[in-house]
Amino acid sequence: MWKLQASLLGGDEERQDDFLDDFNGSCPLSPLQRLYGFAGCLAAGLACMLLSLVVFARPIKFAIIFTFGNLLAIGSTAFLIGPGQQIRMMLDTVRIYATAIYVGSVILALVCALLIHSKILTIIAIICEICALIWYSLSYIPFARNMVSELLVRLCDTEI
């Protein structure tokens, strides 16, 4: 009842936090169960990504299986920290752009594979998806993106 009163009095931010906390608490798992869920989901995602290499000659099937594996691997961390915290971390100011580019490239890969049926566009979208996943993953390691950026600048510098 007090949550309803808070929302009526203008506590929308508090109500959103309560919703995410309720979402995290709706499936209470023990730490061991969370670890098993994480490991299983990550293993399934990595298996899908590896099995997608079998159908690499067919870029459309490859894109679907690879993207599904990608989403499973990213979603596996929700078992460890909860889906609400996962969403908060993805939308953090440090990694909001990396998240947007990653989600956009996943959607682009699926659109190219399922709707457009273009092999060349699908391959380009998958390459973008892999690059976006690497950049997104680097956002969780302190100073990793700065180090990679500086390394790329030094490697690609044409001045002698």
C-alpha atoms as a PDB file:
ATOM      1  CA  MET A   1       0.000   0.000   0.000  1.00  0.00           C
ATOM      2  CA  TRP A   2       2.809   2.393   0.845  1.00  0.00           C
ATOM      3  CA  LYS A   3       4.333   1.827  -2.620  1.00  0.00           C
ATOM      4  CA  LEU A   4       1.065   3.020  -4.159  1.00  0.00           C
ATOM      5  CA  GLN A   5       1.061   6.076  -1.916  1.00  0.00           C
ATOM      6  CA  ALA A   6       4.676   6.839  -2.796  1.00  0.00           C
ATOM      7  CA  SER A   7       3.880   6.673  -6.499  1.00  0.00           C
ATOM      8  CA  LEU A   8       0.891   8.949  -6.046  1.00  0.00           C
ATOM      9  CA  LEU A   9       3.011  11.441  -4.127  1.00  0.00           C
ATOM     10  CA  GLY A  10       5.639  11.580  -6.852  1.00  0.00           C
ATOM     11  CA  GLY A  11       8.072   8.864  -5.801  1.00  0.00           C
ATOM     12  CA  ASP A  12       8.449   7.459  -9.321  1.00  0.00           C
ATOM     13  CA  GLU A  13      12.184   6.882  -8.948  1.00  0.00           C
ATOM     14  CA  GLU A  14      11.625   4.969  -5.702  1.00  0.00           C
ATOM     15  CA  ARG A  15       8.834   2.993  -7.334  1.00  0.00           C
ATOM     16  CA  GLN A  16      11.149   2.029 -10.218  1.00  0.00           C
ATOM     17  CA  ASP A  17      13.791   0.825  -7.739  1.00  0.00           C
ATOM     18  CA  ASP A  18      11.149  -1.182  -5.905  1.00  0.00           C
ATOM     19  CA  PHE A  19      10.059  -2.773  -9.171  1.00  0.00           C
ATOM     20  CA  LEU A  20      13.604  -3.814 -10.051  1.00  0.00           C
ATOM     21  CA  ASP A  21      14.202  -5.121  -6.541  1.00  0.00           C
ATOM     22  CA  ASP A  22      10.952  -7.101  -6.713  1.00  0.00           C
ATOM     23  CA  PHE A  23      12.046  -8.441 -10.114  1.00  0.00           C
ATOM     24  CA  ASN A  24      15.371  -9.573  -8.654  1.00  0.00           C
ATOM     25  CA  GLY A  25      13.681 -11.114  -5.626  1.00  0.00           C
ATOM     26  CA  SER A  26      10.952 -12.918  -7.566  1.00  0.00           C
ATOM     27  CA  CYS A  27      13.198 -15.937  -8.105  1.00  0.00           C
ATOM     28  CA  PRO A  28      15.321 -16.402  -5.010  1.00  0.00           C
ATOM     29  CA  LEU A  29      18.133 -18.797  -5.824  1.00  0.00           C
ATOM     30  CA  SER A  30      20.888 -19.996  -3.552  1.00  0.00           C
ATOM     31  CA  PRO A  31      24.426 -18.897  -4.417  1.00  0.00           C
ATOM     32  CA  LEU A  32      25.217 -22.399  -5.677  1.00  0.00           C
ATOM     33  CA  GLN A  33      22.103 -22.420  -7.894  1.00  0.00           C
ATOM     34  CA  ARG A  34      23.045 -19.006  -9.279  1.00  0.00           C
ATOM     35  CA  LEU A  35      26.526 -20.306 -10.066  1.00  0.00           C
ATOM     36  CA  TYR A  36      25.079 -23.370 -11.801  1.00  0.00           C
ATOM     37  CA  GLY A  37      22.677 -21.170 -13.791  1.00  0.00           C
ATOM     38  CA  PHE A  38      25.511 -18.864 -14.799  1.00  0.00           C
ATOM     39  CA  ALA A  39      27.763 -21.749 -15.835  1.00  0.00           C
ATOM     40  CA  GLY A  40      24.982 -23.530 -17.738  1.00  0.00           C
ATOM     41  CA  CYS A  41      23.840 -20.425 -19.590  1.00  0.00           C
ATOM     42  CA  LEU A  42      27.409 -19.404 -20.402  1.00  0.00           C
ATOM     43  CA  ALA A  43      28.267 -22.922 -21.585  1.00  0.00           C
ATOM     44  CA  ALA A  44      25.147 -23.029 -23.763  1.00  0.00           C
ATOM     45  CA  GLY A  45      26.014 -19.619 -25.227  1.00  0.00           C
ATOM     46  CA  LEU A  46      29.601 -20.601 -25.969  1.00  0.00           C
ATOM     47  CA  ALA A  47      28.415 -23.906 -27.453  1.00  0.00           C
ATOM     48  CA  CYS A  48      26.021 -22.044 -29.762  1.00  0.00           C
ATOM     49  CA  MET A  49      28.789 -19.679 -30.824  1.00  0.00           C
ATOM     50  CA  LEU A  50      31.145 -22.584 -31.544  1.00  0.00           C
ATOM     51  CA  LEU A  51      28.474 -24.636 -33.305  1.00  0.00           C
ATOM     52  CA  SER A  52      27.657 -21.652 -35.478  1.00  0.00           C
ATOM     53  CA  LEU A  53      31.063 -22.112 -37.085  1.00  0.00           C
ATOM     54  CA  VAL A  54      29.771 -25.385 -38.555  1.00  0.00           C
ATOM     55  CA  VAL A  55      27.287 -23.447 -40.681  1.00  0.00           C
ATOM     56  CA  PHE A  56      29.675 -20.561 -41.424  1.00  0.00           C
ATOM     57  CA  ALA A  57      29.208 -21.160 -45.147  1.00  0.00           C
ATOM     58  CA  ARG A  58      25.561 -20.162 -44.693  1.00  0.00           C
ATOM     59  CA  PRO A  59      25.794 -16.686 -43.158  1.00  0.00           C
ATOM     60  CA  ILE A  60      22.098 -16.409 -42.378  1.00  0.00           C
ATOM     61  CA  LYS A  61      22.025 -19.556 -40.234  1.00  0.00           C
ATOM     62  CA  PHE A  62      25.391 -18.581 -38.790  1.00  0.00           C
ATOM     63  CA  ALA A  63      24.076 -15.156 -37.756  1.00  0.00           C
ATOM     64  CA  ILE A  64      21.017 -16.585 -36.021  1.00  0.00           C
ATOM     65  CA  ILE A  65      22.911 -19.238 -34.055  1.00  0.00           C
ATOM     66  CA  PHE A  66      25.828 -16.934 -33.232  1.00  0.00           C
ATOM     67  CA  THR A  67      23.558 -14.112 -32.060  1.00  0.00           C
ATOM     68  CA  PHE A  68      21.498 -16.482 -29.918  1.00  0.00           C
ATOM     69  CA  GLY A  69      24.709 -17.751 -28.329  1.00  0.00           C
ATOM     70  CA  ASN A  70      25.854 -14.189 -27.787  1.00  0.00           C
ATOM     71  CA  LEU A  71      22.630 -13.291 -25.992  1.00  0.00           C
ATOM     72  CA  LEU A  72      22.838 -16.420 -23.830  1.00  0.00           C
ATOM     73  CA  ALA A  73      26.408 -15.584 -22.830  1.00  0.00           C
ATOM     74  CA  ILE A  74      25.547 -11.973 -21.961  1.00  0.00           C
ATOM     75  CA  GLY A  75      22.393 -13.056 -20.132  1.00  0.00           C
ATOM     76  CA  SER A  76      24.301 -15.572 -18.052  1.00  0.00           C
ATOM     77  CA  THR A  77      25.582 -12.825 -15.780  1.00  0.00           C
ATOM     78  CA  ALA A  78      22.003 -12.087 -14.752  1.00  0.00           C
ATOM     79  CA  PHE A  79      22.168 -15.289 -12.711  1.00  0.00           C
ATOM     80  CA  LEU A  80      25.050 -13.890 -10.693  1.00  0.00           C
ATOM     81  CA  ILE A  81      23.914 -10.324 -10.094  1.00  0.00           C
ATOM     82  CA  GLY A  82      20.220 -10.452 -10.953  1.00  0.00           C
ATOM     83  CA  PRO A  83      18.439  -9.067 -14.012  1.00  0.00           C
ATOM     84  CA  GLY A  84      17.701  -5.694 -12.416  1.00  0.00           C
ATOM     85  CA  GLN A  85      21.319  -5.072 -11.514  1.00  0.00           C
ATOM     86  CA  GLN A  86      22.366  -6.322 -14.957  1.00  0.00           C
ATOM     87  CA  ILE A  87      20.122  -3.728 -16.610  1.00  0.00           C
ATOM     88  CA  ARG A  88      21.372  -0.991 -14.267  1.00  0.00           C
ATOM     89  CA  MET A  89      24.983  -1.853 -15.087  1.00  0.00           C
ATOM     90  CA  MET A  90      24.280  -1.946 -18.829  1.00  0.00           C
ATOM     91  CA  LEU A  91      22.659   1.490 -18.656  1.00  0.00           C
ATOM     92  CA  ASP A  92      25.423   3.003 -16.514  1.00  0.00           C
ATOM     93  CA  THR A  93      26.915   6.190 -17.952  1.00  0.00           C
ATOM     94  CA  VAL A  94      30.272   4.459 -18.448  1.00  0.00           C
ATOM     95  CA  ARG A  95      28.872   1.811 -20.787  1.00  0.00           C
ATOM     96  CA  ILE A  96      25.589   3.194 -22.166  1.00  0.00           C
ATOM     97  CA  TYR A  97      27.122   3.818 -25.595  1.00  0.00           C
ATOM     98  CA  ALA A  98      28.769   0.400 -25.696  1.00  0.00           C
ATOM     99  CA  THR A  99      25.447  -1.181 -24.724  1.00  0.00           C
ATOM    100  CA  ALA A 100      23.544   0.757 -27.385  1.00  0.00           C
ATOM    101  CA  ILE A 101      26.039  -0.174 -30.094  1.00  0.00           C
ATOM    102  CA  TYR A 102      26.013  -3.821 -29.015  1.00  0.00           C
ATOM    103  CA  VAL A 103      22.212  -4.079 -28.909  1.00  0.00           C
ATOM    104  CA  GLY A 104      21.977  -2.211 -32.217  1.00  0.00           C
ATOM    105  CA  SER A 105      24.451  -4.553 -33.885  1.00  0.00           C
ATOM    106  CA  VAL A 106      22.580  -7.619 -32.569  1.00  0.00           C
ATOM    107  CA  ILE A 107      19.333  -6.255 -33.996  1.00  0.00           C
ATOM    108  CA  LEU A 108      21.071  -5.320 -37.253  1.00  0.00           C
ATOM    109  CA  ALA A 109      22.530  -8.830 -37.618  1.00  0.00           C
ATOM    110  CA  LEU A 110      19.121 -10.415 -37.069  1.00  0.00           C
ATOM    111  CA  VAL A 111      17.406  -8.014 -39.481  1.00  0.00           C
ATOM    112  CA  CYS A 112      20.016  -8.679 -42.169  1.00  0.00           C
ATOM    113  CA  ALA A 113      19.710 -12.429 -41.664  1.00  0.00           C
ATOM    114  CA  LEU A 114      15.955 -12.821 -41.219  1.00  0.00           C
ATOM    115  CA  LEU A 115      14.379  -9.990 -43.192  1.00  0.00           C
ATOM    116  CA  ILE A 116      16.854  -8.879 -45.846  1.00  0.00           C
ATOM    117  CA  HIS A 117      18.434 -12.324 -46.507  1.00  0.00           C
ATOM    118  CA  SER A 118      21.660 -10.708 -47.648  1.00  0.00           C
ATOM    119  CA  LYS A 119      24.776 -12.769 -46.980  1.00  0.00           C
ATOM    120  CA  ILE A 120      27.200  -9.868 -47.365  1.00  0.00           C
ATOM    121  CA  LEU A 121      25.225  -7.559 -45.071  1.00  0.00           C
ATOM    122  CA  THR A 122      24.841 -10.374 -42.552  1.00  0.00           C
ATOM    123  CA  ILE A 123      28.598 -10.965 -42.459  1.00  0.00           C
ATOM    124  CA  ILE A 124      29.246  -7.241 -42.034  1.00  0.00           C
ATOM    125  CA  ALA A 125      26.662  -7.095 -39.240  1.00  0.00           C
ATOM    126  CA  ILE A 126      28.233 -10.108 -37.493  1.00  0.00           C
ATOM    127  CA  ILE A 127      31.659  -8.458 -37.649  1.00  0.00           C
ATOM    128  CA  CYS A 128      30.135  -5.319 -36.123  1.00  0.00           C
ATOM    129  CA  GLU A 129      28.453  -7.480 -33.472  1.00  0.00           C
ATOM    130  CA  ILE A 130      31.751  -9.140 -32.524  1.00  0.00           C
ATOM    131  CA  CYS A 131      33.544  -5.786 -32.323  1.00  0.00           C
ATOM    132  CA  ALA A 132      30.717  -4.305 -30.258  1.00  0.00           C
ATOM    133  CA  LEU A 133      30.763  -7.306 -27.912  1.00  0.00           C
ATOM    134  CA  ILE A 134      34.510  -6.913 -27.379  1.00  0.00           C
ATOM    135  CA  TRP A 135      34.142  -3.180 -26.731  1.00  0.00           C
ATOM    136  CA  TYR A 136      31.181  -3.789 -24.387  1.00  0.00           C
ATOM    137  CA  SER A 137      33.126  -6.467 -22.494  1.00  0.00           C
ATOM    138  CA  LEU A 138      36.116  -4.157 -22.144  1.00  0.00           C
ATOM    139  CA  SER A 139      33.884  -1.623 -20.385  1.00  0.00           C
ATOM    140  CA  TYR A 140      33.812  -3.912 -17.340  1.00  0.00           C
ATOM    141  CA  ILE A 141      37.616  -3.959 -17.006  1.00  0.00           C
ATOM    142  CA  PRO A 142      39.059  -0.758 -15.499  1.00  0.00           C
ATOM    143  CA  PHE A 143      41.123   1.251 -18.003  1.00  0.00           C
ATOM    144  CA  ALA A 144      40.892  -1.512 -20.629  1.00  0.00           C
ATOM    145  CA  ARG A 145      39.165   0.618 -23.247  1.00  0.00           C
ATOM    146  CA  ASN A 146      41.712   3.424 -22.803  1.00  0.00           C
ATOM    147  CA  MET A 147      44.563   0.968 -23.174  1.00  0.00           C
ATOM    148  CA  VAL A 148      43.066  -0.625 -26.313  1.00  0.00           C
ATOM    149  CA  SER A 149      42.346   2.811 -27.808  1.00  0.00           C
ATOM    150  CA  GLU A 150      45.922   3.953 -27.239  1.00  0.00           C
ATOM    151  CA  LEU A 151      47.273   0.691 -28.650  1.00  0.00           C
ATOM    152  CA  LEU A 152      45.172   1.041 -31.799  1.00  0.00           C
ATOM    153  CA  VAL A 153      46.265   4.640 -32.254  1.00  0.00           C
ATOM    154  CA  ARG A 154      49.912   3.620 -31.961  1.00  0.00           C
ATOM    155  CA  LEU A 155      49.491   0.662 -34.324  1.00  0.00           C
ATOM    156  CA  CYS A 156      47.540   2.609 -36.923  1.00  0.00           C
ATOM    157  CA  ASP A 157      49.690   5.731 -36.792  1.00  0.00           C
ATOM    158  CA  THR A 158      51.248   6.221 -40.214  1.00  0.00           C
ATOM    159  CA  GLU A 159      53.814   8.801 -39.180  1.00  0.00           C
ATOM    160  CA  ILE A 160      57.382   7.555 -39.039  1.00  0.00           C
END
